[in-house]
């Protein structure tokens, strides 16, 4: 399954960030714009308005086959991400386990 290129443009700040990542040899220096699909989400903290979740993703991009990735993140418990949601993401070519998801792109 090929990743569709999301309708998402890099801002000048994101371009500057990419340049700095290359300069500092950050793992995201070779990242490409791709997609991340939420496969599963588990509430691992169980209490409070803001909770820690374990999120299983499938990340892919140009030249990167779908790769299973696990992240632990904090979200408002009233609006956690939903399985099946596809979001734009930057995926490292050299290490597809390194992914930055654009969580602000979640449907409300």
PDB file of N, CA and C in Angstrom:
ATOM      1  N   UNK A   1       0.836  -1.171   0.000  1.00  0.00           N
ATOM      2  CA  UNK A   1       0.000   0.000   0.000  1.00  0.00           C
ATOM      3  C   UNK A   1       0.881   1.234   0.000  1.00  0.00           C
ATOM      4  N   UNK A   2       0.711   2.098  -0.964  1.00  0.00           N
ATOM      5  CA  UNK A   2       1.510   3.310  -1.052  1.00  0.00           C
ATOM      6  C   UNK A   2       0.903   4.407  -0.208  1.00  0.00           C
ATOM      7  N   UNK A   3       1.780   5.191   0.405  1.00  0.00           N
ATOM      8  CA  UNK A   3       1.306   6.314   1.219  1.00  0.00           C
ATOM      9  C   UNK A   3       0.866   7.436   0.294  1.00  0.00           C
ATOM     10  N   UNK A   4      -0.280   7.992   0.589  1.00  0.00           N
ATOM     11  CA  UNK A   4      -0.718   9.161  -0.146  1.00  0.00           C
ATOM     12  C   UNK A   4       0.000  10.364   0.434  1.00  0.00           C
ATOM     13  N   UNK A   5       0.416  11.271  -0.428  1.00  0.00           N
ATOM     14  CA  UNK A   5       1.060  12.476   0.058  1.00  0.00           C
ATOM     15  C   UNK A   5      -0.024  13.363   0.647  1.00  0.00           C
ATOM     16  N   UNK A   6       0.095  13.706   1.945  1.00  0.00           N
ATOM     17  CA  UNK A   6      -0.949  14.495   2.572  1.00  0.00           C
ATOM     18  C   UNK A   6      -0.973  15.915   2.038  1.00  0.00           C
ATOM     19  N   UNK A   7      -2.127  16.555   2.175  1.00  0.00           N
ATOM     20  CA  UNK A   7      -2.287  17.945   1.781  1.00  0.00           C
ATOM     21  C   UNK A   7      -1.763  18.811   2.917  1.00  0.00           C
ATOM     22  N   UNK A   8      -0.451  18.938   2.990  1.00  0.00           N
ATOM     23  CA  UNK A   8       0.191  19.603   4.111  1.00  0.00           C
ATOM     24  C   UNK A   8       1.475  20.230   3.592  1.00  0.00           C
ATOM     25  N   UNK A   9       1.626  21.549   3.735  1.00  0.00           N
ATOM     26  CA  UNK A   9       2.825  22.238   3.258  1.00  0.00           C
ATOM     27  C   UNK A   9       3.732  22.570   4.414  1.00  0.00           C
ATOM     28  N   UNK A  10       5.028  22.449   4.183  1.00  0.00           N
ATOM     29  CA  UNK A  10       6.008  22.825   5.193  1.00  0.00           C
ATOM     30  C   UNK A  10       6.119  24.339   5.260  1.00  0.00           C
ATOM     31  N   UNK A  11       6.100  24.875   6.471  1.00  0.00           N
ATOM     32  CA  UNK A  11       6.273  26.309   6.658  1.00  0.00           C
ATOM     33  C   UNK A  11       7.762  26.643   6.638  1.00  0.00           C
ATOM     34  N   UNK A  12       8.080  27.922   6.615  1.00  0.00           N
ATOM     35  CA  UNK A  12       9.487  28.333   6.658  1.00  0.00           C
ATOM     36  C   UNK A  12      10.139  27.878   7.957  1.00  0.00           C
ATOM     37  N   UNK A  13       9.383  27.879   9.045  1.00  0.00           N
ATOM     38  CA  UNK A  13       9.924  27.420  10.327  1.00  0.00           C
ATOM     39  C   UNK A  13      10.257  25.934  10.248  1.00  0.00           C
ATOM     40  N   UNK A  14       9.373  25.147   9.638  1.00  0.00           N
ATOM     41  CA  UNK A  14       9.641  23.710   9.502  1.00  0.00           C
ATOM     42  C   UNK A  14      10.848  23.470   8.601  1.00  0.00           C
ATOM     43  N   UNK A  15      11.000  24.281   7.562  1.00  0.00           N
ATOM     44  CA  UNK A  15      12.162  24.157   6.680  1.00  0.00           C
ATOM     45  C   UNK A  15      13.447  24.493   7.442  1.00  0.00           C
ATOM     46  N   UNK A  16      13.400  25.536   8.284  1.00  0.00           N
ATOM     47  CA  UNK A  16      14.563  25.905   9.090  1.00  0.00           C
ATOM     48  C   UNK A  16      14.880  24.805  10.089  1.00  0.00           C
ATOM     49  N   UNK A  17      13.834  24.201  10.660  1.00  0.00           N
ATOM     50  CA  UNK A  17      14.028  23.097  11.595  1.00  0.00           C
ATOM     51  C   UNK A  17      14.722  21.935  10.899  1.00  0.00           C
ATOM     52  N   UNK A  18      14.301  21.623   9.683  1.00  0.00           N
ATOM     53  CA  UNK A  18      14.922  20.534   8.920  1.00  0.00           C
ATOM     54  C   UNK A  18      16.406  20.827   8.682  1.00  0.00           C
ATOM     55  N   UNK A  19      16.739  22.068   8.379  1.00  0.00           N
ATOM     56  CA  UNK A  19      18.138  22.447   8.154  1.00  0.00           C
ATOM     57  C   UNK A  19      18.954  22.246   9.435  1.00  0.00           C
ATOM     58  N   UNK A  20      18.395  22.675  10.575  1.00  0.00           N
ATOM     59  CA  UNK A  20      19.099  22.511  11.849  1.00  0.00           C
ATOM     60  C   UNK A  20      19.257  21.033  12.215  1.00  0.00           C
ATOM     61  N   UNK A  21      18.252  20.231  11.902  1.00  0.00           N
ATOM     62  CA  UNK A  21      18.349  18.796  12.178  1.00  0.00           C
ATOM     63  C   UNK A  21      19.500  18.177  11.393  1.00  0.00           C
ATOM     64  N   UNK A  22      19.660  18.582  10.147  1.00  0.00           N
ATOM     65  CA  UNK A  22      20.771  18.066   9.336  1.00  0.00           C
ATOM     66  C   UNK A  22      22.103  18.502   9.923  1.00  0.00           C
ATOM     67  N   UNK A  23      22.173  19.767  10.337  1.00  0.00           N
ATOM     68  CA  UNK A  23      23.397  20.320  10.894  1.00  0.00           C
ATOM     69  C   UNK A  23      23.798  19.602  12.181  1.00  0.00           C
ATOM     70  N   UNK A  24      22.824  19.250  13.013  1.00  0.00           N
ATOM     71  CA  UNK A  24      23.103  18.611  14.305  1.00  0.00           C
ATOM     72  C   UNK A  24      23.036  17.090  14.252  1.00  0.00           C
ATOM     73  N   UNK A  25      22.820  16.541  13.070  1.00  0.00           N
ATOM     74  CA  UNK A  25      22.728  15.089  12.861  1.00  0.00           C
ATOM     75  C   UNK A  25      21.582  14.448  13.651  1.00  0.00           C
ATOM     76  N   UNK A  26      20.498  15.162  13.718  1.00  0.00           N
ATOM     77  CA  UNK A  26      19.292  14.676  14.375  1.00  0.00           C
ATOM     78  C   UNK A  26      18.737  13.494  13.578  1.00  0.00           C
ATOM     79  N   UNK A  27      18.134  12.494  14.249  1.00  0.00           N
ATOM     80  CA  UNK A  27      17.561  11.352  13.521  1.00  0.00           C
ATOM     81  C   UNK A  27      16.477  11.758  12.519  1.00  0.00           C
ATOM     82  N   UNK A  28      15.879  12.935  12.712  1.00  0.00           N
ATOM     83  CA  UNK A  28      14.834  13.388  11.794  1.00  0.00           C
ATOM     84  C   UNK A  28      15.403  14.156  10.592  1.00  0.00           C
ATOM     85  N   UNK A  29      16.721  14.251  10.498  1.00  0.00           N
ATOM     86  CA  UNK A  29      17.339  15.036   9.432  1.00  0.00           C
ATOM     87  C   UNK A  29      16.962  14.537   8.039  1.00  0.00           C
ATOM     88  N   UNK A  30      16.739  13.237   7.895  1.00  0.00           N
ATOM     89  CA  UNK A  30      16.407  12.686   6.574  1.00  0.00           C
ATOM     90  C   UNK A  30      14.909  12.374   6.448  1.00  0.00           C
ATOM     91  N   UNK A  31      14.116  12.934   7.354  1.00  0.00           N
ATOM     92  CA  UNK A  31      12.683  12.621   7.368  1.00  0.00           C
ATOM     93  C   UNK A  31      11.980  13.116   6.110  1.00  0.00           C
ATOM     94  N   UNK A  32      10.978  12.339   5.707  1.00  0.00           N
ATOM     95  CA  UNK A  32      10.141  12.704   4.565  1.00  0.00           C
ATOM     96  C   UNK A  32       8.710  12.842   5.054  1.00  0.00           C
ATOM     97  N   UNK A  33       7.915  13.584   4.314  1.00  0.00           N
ATOM     98  CA  UNK A  33       6.517  13.749   4.661  1.00  0.00           C
ATOM     99  C   UNK A  33       5.756  12.500   4.258  1.00  0.00           C
ATOM    100  N   UNK A  34       5.074  11.912   5.213  1.00  0.00           N
ATOM    101  CA  UNK A  34       4.308  10.691   4.974  1.00  0.00           C
ATOM    102  C   UNK A  34       3.020  10.709   5.770  1.00  0.00           C
ATOM    103  N   UNK A  35       2.584   9.522   6.160  1.00  0.00           N
ATOM    104  CA  UNK A  35       1.339   9.377   6.911  1.00  0.00           C
ATOM    105  C   UNK A  35       1.550   8.421   8.078  1.00  0.00           C
ATOM    106  N   UNK A  36       0.750   8.642   9.119  1.00  0.00           N
ATOM    107  CA  UNK A  36       0.705   7.716  10.248  1.00  0.00           C
ATOM    108  C   UNK A  36      -0.755   7.363  10.480  1.00  0.00           C
ATOM    109  N   UNK A  37      -1.030   6.077  10.589  1.00  0.00           N
ATOM    110  CA  UNK A  37      -2.385   5.617  10.883  1.00  0.00           C
ATOM    111  C   UNK A  37      -2.393   5.052  12.294  1.00  0.00           C
ATOM    112  N   UNK A  38      -3.363   5.484  13.092  1.00  0.00           N
ATOM    113  CA  UNK A  38      -3.486   4.974  14.455  1.00  0.00           C
ATOM    114  C   UNK A  38      -4.098   3.580  14.384  1.00  0.00           C
ATOM    115  N   UNK A  39      -3.347   2.584  14.836  1.00  0.00           N
ATOM    116  CA  UNK A  39      -3.791   1.197  14.815  1.00  0.00           C
ATOM    117  C   UNK A  39      -4.540   0.869  16.103  1.00  0.00           C
ATOM    118  N   UNK A  40      -3.982   1.285  17.236  1.00  0.00           N
ATOM    119  CA  UNK A  40      -4.604   1.016  18.537  1.00  0.00           C
ATOM    120  C   UNK A  40      -4.166   2.081  19.520  1.00  0.00           C
ATOM    121  N   UNK A  41      -4.987   2.295  20.549  1.00  0.00           N
ATOM    122  CA  UNK A  41      -4.652   3.248  21.602  1.00  0.00           C
ATOM    123  C   UNK A  41      -5.105   2.669  22.931  1.00  0.00           C
ATOM    124  N   UNK A  42      -4.217   2.723  23.924  1.00  0.00           N
ATOM    125  CA  UNK A  42      -4.521   2.210  25.264  1.00  0.00           C
ATOM    126  C   UNK A  42      -4.261   3.304  26.285  1.00  0.00           C
ATOM    127  N   UNK A  43      -5.241   3.532  27.164  1.00  0.00           N
ATOM    128  CA  UNK A  43      -5.098   4.476  28.267  1.00  0.00           C
ATOM    129  C   UNK A  43      -4.288   3.768  29.348  1.00  0.00           C
ATOM    130  N   UNK A  44      -3.049   4.200  29.551  1.00  0.00           N
ATOM    131  CA  UNK A  44      -2.204   3.493  30.512  1.00  0.00           C
ATOM    132  C   UNK A  44      -2.118   4.199  31.857  1.00  0.00           C
ATOM    133  N   UNK A  45      -2.684   5.418  31.964  1.00  0.00           N
ATOM    134  CA  UNK A  45      -2.627   6.082  33.261  1.00  0.00           C
ATOM    135  C   UNK A  45      -3.955   5.985  33.995  1.00  0.00           C
ATOM    136  N   UNK A  46      -5.082   5.977  33.248  1.00  0.00           N
ATOM    137  CA  UNK A  46      -6.379   5.710  33.822  1.00  0.00           C
ATOM    138  C   UNK A  46      -7.026   6.754  34.698  1.00  0.00           C
ATOM    139  N   UNK A  47      -6.370   7.875  34.953  1.00  0.00           N
ATOM    140  CA  UNK A  47      -6.974   8.870  35.831  1.00  0.00           C
ATOM    141  C   UNK A  47      -6.661  10.274  35.334  1.00  0.00           C
ATOM    142  N   UNK A  48      -7.545  11.207  35.695  1.00  0.00           N
ATOM    143  CA  UNK A  48      -7.312  12.610  35.403  1.00  0.00           C
ATOM    144  C   UNK A  48      -7.772  13.018  34.020  1.00  0.00           C
ATOM    145  N   UNK A  49      -7.845  14.332  33.837  1.00  0.00           N
ATOM    146  CA  UNK A  49      -8.285  14.869  32.550  1.00  0.00           C
ATOM    147  C   UNK A  49      -7.240  14.628  31.464  1.00  0.00           C
ATOM    148  N   UNK A  50      -5.981  14.794  31.794  1.00  0.00           N
ATOM    149  CA  UNK A  50      -4.905  14.554  30.834  1.00  0.00           C
ATOM    150  C   UNK A  50      -4.267  13.222  31.191  1.00  0.00           C
ATOM    151  N   UNK A  51      -4.290  12.312  30.230  1.00  0.00           N
ATOM    152  CA  UNK A  51      -3.832  10.953  30.490  1.00  0.00           C
ATOM    153  C   UNK A  51      -2.740  10.541  29.511  1.00  0.00           C
ATOM    154  N   UNK A  52      -1.922   9.614  29.983  1.00  0.00           N
ATOM    155  CA  UNK A  52      -0.893   9.051  29.117  1.00  0.00           C
ATOM    156  C   UNK A  52      -1.491   7.871  28.364  1.00  0.00           C
ATOM    157  N   UNK A  53      -1.248   7.853  27.060  1.00  0.00           N
ATOM    158  CA  UNK A  53      -1.748   6.780  26.203  1.00  0.00           C
ATOM    159  C   UNK A  53      -0.578   6.110  25.496  1.00  0.00           C
ATOM    160  N   UNK A  54      -0.704   4.801  25.303  1.00  0.00           N
ATOM    161  CA  UNK A  54       0.216   4.076  24.423  1.00  0.00           C
ATOM    162  C   UNK A  54      -0.492   3.979  23.083  1.00  0.00           C
ATOM    163  N   UNK A  55       0.172   4.478  22.043  1.00  0.00           N
ATOM    164  CA  UNK A  55      -0.436   4.525  20.722  1.00  0.00           C
ATOM    165  C   UNK A  55       0.395   3.682  19.764  1.00  0.00           C
ATOM    166  N   UNK A  56      -0.262   2.711  19.133  1.00  0.00           N
ATOM    167  CA  UNK A  56       0.378   1.899  18.094  1.00  0.00           C
ATOM    168  C   UNK A  56       0.042   2.527  16.756  1.00  0.00           C
ATOM    169  N   UNK A  57       1.082   2.846  15.995  1.00  0.00           N
ATOM    170  CA  UNK A  57       0.933   3.494  14.698  1.00  0.00           C
ATOM    171  C   UNK A  57       1.469   2.602  13.590  1.00  0.00           C
ATOM    172  N   UNK A  58       1.009   2.874  12.388  1.00  0.00           N
ATOM    173  CA  UNK A  58       1.618   2.342  11.179  1.00  0.00           C
ATOM    174  C   UNK A  58       2.051   3.574  10.396  1.00  0.00           C
ATOM    175  N   UNK A  59       3.365   3.771  10.297  1.00  0.00           N
ATOM    176  CA  UNK A  59       3.903   4.958   9.623  1.00  0.00           C
ATOM    177  C   UNK A  59       4.503   4.554   8.286  1.00  0.00           C
ATOM    178  N   UNK A  60       4.301   5.403   7.282  1.00  0.00           N
ATOM    179  CA  UNK A  60       4.868   5.142   5.959  1.00  0.00           C
ATOM    180  C   UNK A  60       5.088   6.449   5.229  1.00  0.00           C
ATOM    181  N   UNK A  61       5.908   6.377   4.217  1.00  0.00           N
ATOM    182  CA  UNK A  61       6.199   7.549   3.402  1.00  0.00           C
ATOM    183  C   UNK A  61       6.865   7.117   2.116  1.00  0.00           C
ATOM    184  N   UNK A  62       7.227   8.072   1.268  1.00  0.00           N
ATOM    185  CA  UNK A  62       7.895   7.723   0.016  1.00  0.00           C
ATOM    186  C   UNK A  62       9.160   6.904   0.283  1.00  0.00           C
ATOM    187  N   UNK A  63       9.180   5.691  -0.242  1.00  0.00           N
ATOM    188  CA  UNK A  63      10.328   4.812  -0.059  1.00  0.00           C
ATOM    189  C   UNK A  63      10.364   4.103   1.290  1.00  0.00           C
ATOM    190  N   UNK A  64       9.334   4.302   2.117  1.00  0.00           N
ATOM    191  CA  UNK A  64       9.282   3.683   3.443  1.00  0.00           C
ATOM    192  C   UNK A  64       8.031   2.806   3.515  1.00  0.00           C
ATOM    193  N   UNK A  65       8.201   1.500   3.625  1.00  0.00           N
ATOM    194  CA  UNK A  65       7.023   0.623   3.733  1.00  0.00           C
ATOM    195  C   UNK A  65       6.333   0.854   5.076  1.00  0.00           C
ATOM    196  N   UNK A  66       5.062   0.459   5.201  1.00  0.00           N
ATOM    197  CA  UNK A  66       4.371   0.605   6.485  1.00  0.00           C
ATOM    198  C   UNK A  66       5.200  -0.025   7.611  1.00  0.00           C
ATOM    199  N   UNK A  67       5.424   0.751   8.648  1.00  0.00           N
ATOM    200  CA  UNK A  67       6.272   0.348   9.759  1.00  0.00           C
ATOM    201  C   UNK A  67       5.517   0.521  11.070  1.00  0.00           C
ATOM    202  N   UNK A  68       5.515  -0.513  11.909  1.00  0.00           N
ATOM    203  CA  UNK A  68       4.863  -0.439  13.216  1.00  0.00           C
ATOM    204  C   UNK A  68       5.703   0.427  14.153  1.00  0.00           C
ATOM    205  N   UNK A  69       5.037   1.377  14.817  1.00  0.00           N
ATOM    206  CA  UNK A  69       5.702   2.301  15.735  1.00  0.00           C
ATOM    207  C   UNK A  69       4.836   2.417  16.992  1.00  0.00           C
ATOM    208  N   UNK A  70       5.472   2.436  18.147  1.00  0.00           N
ATOM    209  CA  UNK A  70       4.751   2.670  19.396  1.00  0.00           C
ATOM    210  C   UNK A  70       5.201   3.993  19.987  1.00  0.00           C
ATOM    211  N   UNK A  71       4.238   4.819  20.399  1.00  0.00           N
ATOM    212  CA  UNK A  71       4.543   6.076  21.074  1.00  0.00           C
ATOM    213  C   UNK A  71       3.729   6.161  22.352  1.00  0.00           C
ATOM    214  N   UNK A  72       4.254   6.862  23.333  1.00  0.00           N
ATOM    215  CA  UNK A  72       3.534   7.150  24.574  1.00  0.00           C
ATOM    216  C   UNK A  72       3.408   8.654  24.675  1.00  0.00           C
ATOM    217  N   UNK A  73       2.146   9.110  24.693  1.00  0.00           N
ATOM    218  CA  UNK A  73       1.868  10.546  24.665  1.00  0.00           C
ATOM    219  C   UNK A  73       0.737  10.887  25.614  1.00  0.00           C
ATOM    220  N   UNK A  74       0.643  12.161  25.961  1.00  0.00           N
ATOM    221  CA  UNK A  74      -0.421  12.635  26.837  1.00  0.00           C
ATOM    222  C   UNK A  74      -1.439  13.414  26.011  1.00  0.00           C
ATOM    223  N   UNK A  75      -2.724  13.084  26.214  1.00  0.00           N
ATOM    224  CA  UNK A  75      -3.824  13.765  25.533  1.00  0.00           C
ATOM    225  C   UNK A  75      -4.918  14.082  26.534  1.00  0.00           C
ATOM    226  N   UNK A  76      -5.752  15.037  26.185  1.00  0.00           N
ATOM    227  CA  UNK A  76      -6.958  15.332  26.951  1.00  0.00           C
ATOM    228  C   UNK A  76      -7.846  14.091  26.858  1.00  0.00           C
ATOM    229  N   UNK A  77      -8.282  13.563  27.997  1.00  0.00           N
ATOM    230  CA  UNK A  77      -9.053  12.316  27.999  1.00  0.00           C
ATOM    231  C   UNK A  77     -10.417  12.469  27.334  1.00  0.00           C
ATOM    232  N   UNK A  78     -10.874  13.705  27.135  1.00  0.00           N
ATOM    233  CA  UNK A  78     -12.165  13.907  26.471  1.00  0.00           C
ATOM    234  C   UNK A  78     -12.050  13.776  24.959  1.00  0.00           C
ATOM    235  N   UNK A  79     -10.837  13.941  24.425  1.00  0.00           N
ATOM    236  CA  UNK A  79     -10.648  13.892  22.972  1.00  0.00           C
ATOM    237  C   UNK A  79      -9.381  13.124  22.587  1.00  0.00           C
ATOM    238  N   UNK A  80      -9.267  11.865  23.006  1.00  0.00           N
ATOM    239  CA  UNK A  80      -8.081  11.111  22.608  1.00  0.00           C
ATOM    240  C   UNK A  80      -8.138  10.765  21.122  1.00  0.00           C
ATOM    241  N   UNK A  81      -6.999  10.482  20.524  1.00  0.00           N
ATOM    242  CA  UNK A  81      -6.996  10.046  19.120  1.00  0.00           C
ATOM    243  C   UNK A  81      -7.801   8.764  18.962  1.00  0.00           C
ATOM    244  N   UNK A  82      -8.314   8.541  17.761  1.00  0.00           N
ATOM    245  CA  UNK A  82      -9.139   7.350  17.510  1.00  0.00           C
ATOM    246  C   UNK A  82      -8.448   6.411  16.533  1.00  0.00           C
ATOM    247  N   UNK A  83      -8.545   5.104  16.799  1.00  0.00           N
ATOM    248  CA  UNK A  83      -7.983   4.133  15.861  1.00  0.00           C
ATOM    249  C   UNK A  83      -8.572   4.330  14.466  1.00  0.00           C
ATOM    250  N   UNK A  84      -7.730   4.134  13.473  1.00  0.00           N
ATOM    251  CA  UNK A  84      -8.146   4.294  12.084  1.00  0.00           C
ATOM    252  C   UNK A  84      -7.853   5.673  11.521  1.00  0.00           C
ATOM    253  N   UNK A  85      -7.622   6.650  12.402  1.00  0.00           N
ATOM    254  CA  UNK A  85      -7.333   8.011  11.947  1.00  0.00           C
ATOM    255  C   UNK A  85      -5.981   8.041  11.250  1.00  0.00           C
ATOM    256  N   UNK A  86      -5.942   8.713  10.096  1.00  0.00           N
ATOM    257  CA  UNK A  86      -4.691   8.906   9.353  1.00  0.00           C
ATOM    258  C   UNK A  86      -4.293  10.363   9.470  1.00  0.00           C
ATOM    259  N   UNK A  87      -3.029  10.590   9.826  1.00  0.00           N
ATOM    260  CA  UNK A  87      -2.532  11.943  10.034  1.00  0.00           C
ATOM    261  C   UNK A  87      -1.212  12.140   9.299  1.00  0.00           C
ATOM    262  N   UNK A  88      -0.942  13.376   8.853  1.00  0.00           N
ATOM    263  CA  UNK A  88       0.365  13.641   8.255  1.00  0.00           C
ATOM    264  C   UNK A  88       1.454  13.436   9.306  1.00  0.00           C
ATOM    265  N   UNK A  89       2.609  12.999   8.843  1.00  0.00           N
ATOM    266  CA  UNK A  89       3.725  12.746   9.759  1.00  0.00           C
ATOM    267  C   UNK A  89       5.036  12.879   9.016  1.00  0.00           C
ATOM    268  N   UNK A  90       6.076  13.203   9.748  1.00  0.00           N
ATOM    269  CA  UNK A  90       7.430  13.148   9.213  1.00  0.00           C
ATOM    270  C   UNK A  90       8.010  11.819   9.675  1.00  0.00           C
ATOM    271  N   UNK A  91       8.574  11.064   8.728  1.00  0.00           N
ATOM    272  CA  UNK A  91       9.102   9.733   9.025  1.00  0.00           C
ATOM    273  C   UNK A  91      10.566   9.695   8.601  1.00  0.00           C
ATOM    274  N   UNK A  92      11.427   9.257   9.505  1.00  0.00           N
ATOM    275  CA  UNK A  92      12.853   9.159   9.205  1.00  0.00           C
ATOM    276  C   UNK A  92      13.089   8.029   8.201  1.00  0.00           C
ATOM    277  N   UNK A  93      13.830   8.322   7.143  1.00  0.00           N
ATOM    278  CA  UNK A  93      14.158   7.314   6.134  1.00  0.00           C
ATOM    279  C   UNK A  93      15.143   6.297   6.714  1.00  0.00           C
ATOM    280  N   UNK A  94      16.127   6.772   7.466  1.00  0.00           N
ATOM    281  CA  UNK A  94      17.151   5.870   8.009  1.00  0.00           C
ATOM    282  C   UNK A  94      16.644   5.045   9.190  1.00  0.00           C
ATOM    283  N   UNK A  95      15.633   5.542   9.904  1.00  0.00           N
ATOM    284  CA  UNK A  95      15.049   4.808  11.031  1.00  0.00           C
ATOM    285  C   UNK A  95      13.554   5.092  11.088  1.00  0.00           C
ATOM    286  N   UNK A  96      12.726   4.330  10.359  1.00  0.00           N
ATOM    287  CA  UNK A  96      11.291   4.586  10.297  1.00  0.00           C
ATOM    288  C   UNK A  96      10.570   4.504  11.641  1.00  0.00           C
ATOM    289  N   UNK A  97      11.259   4.044  12.698  1.00  0.00           N
ATOM    290  CA  UNK A  97      10.680   4.060  14.048  1.00  0.00           C
ATOM    291  C   UNK A  97      10.616   5.488  14.607  1.00  0.00           C
ATOM    292  N   UNK A  98      11.373   6.400  13.998  1.00  0.00           N
ATOM    293  CA  UNK A  98      11.402   7.793  14.447  1.00  0.00           C
ATOM    294  C   UNK A  98      10.375   8.564  13.618  1.00  0.00           C
ATOM    295  N   UNK A  99       9.288   8.965  14.282  1.00  0.00           N
ATOM    296  CA  UNK A  99       8.148   9.578  13.603  1.00  0.00           C
ATOM    297  C   UNK A  99       7.676  10.790  14.392  1.00  0.00           C
ATOM    298  N   UNK A 100       7.373  11.866  13.683  1.00  0.00           N
ATOM    299  CA  UNK A 100       6.723  13.037  14.277  1.00  0.00           C
ATOM    300  C   UNK A 100       5.367  13.186  13.630  1.00  0.00           C
ATOM    301  N   UNK A 101       4.324  12.907  14.376  1.00  0.00           N
ATOM    302  CA  UNK A 101       2.958  12.982  13.872  1.00  0.00           C
ATOM    303  C   UNK A 101       2.443  14.410  14.062  1.00  0.00           C
ATOM    304  N   UNK A 102       1.684  14.895  13.091  1.00  0.00           N
ATOM    305  CA  UNK A 102       1.055  16.218  13.204  1.00  0.00           C
ATOM    306  C   UNK A 102      -0.285  16.009  13.923  1.00  0.00           C
ATOM    307  N   UNK A 103      -0.222  15.947  15.248  1.00  0.00           N
ATOM    308  CA  UNK A 103      -1.411  15.644  16.046  1.00  0.00           C
ATOM    309  C   UNK A 103      -2.464  16.729  15.930  1.00  0.00           C
ATOM    310  N   UNK A 104      -2.065  17.955  15.629  1.00  0.00           N
ATOM    311  CA  UNK A 104      -3.038  19.053  15.474  1.00  0.00           C
ATOM    312  C   UNK A 104      -3.952  18.850  14.277  1.00  0.00           C
ATOM    313  N   UNK A 105      -3.616  17.916  13.396  1.00  0.00           N
ATOM    314  CA  UNK A 105      -4.431  17.659  12.213  1.00  0.00           C
ATOM    315  C   UNK A 105      -5.594  16.693  12.507  1.00  0.00           C
ATOM    316  N   UNK A 106      -5.715  16.264  13.773  1.00  0.00           N
ATOM    317  CA  UNK A 106      -6.808  15.337  14.138  1.00  0.00           C
ATOM    318  C   UNK A 106      -8.161  15.987  13.916  1.00  0.00           C
ATOM    319  N   UNK A 107      -9.103  15.225  13.402  1.00  0.00           N
ATOM    320  CA  UNK A 107     -10.467  15.768  13.288  1.00  0.00           C
ATOM    321  C   UNK A 107     -11.029  15.987  14.684  1.00  0.00           C
ATOM    322  N   UNK A 108     -11.804  17.016  14.828  1.00  0.00           N
ATOM    323  CA  UNK A 108     -12.396  17.341  16.142  1.00  0.00           C
ATOM    324  C   UNK A 108     -13.784  16.781  16.251  1.00  0.00           C
TER     325      UNK A 108
END
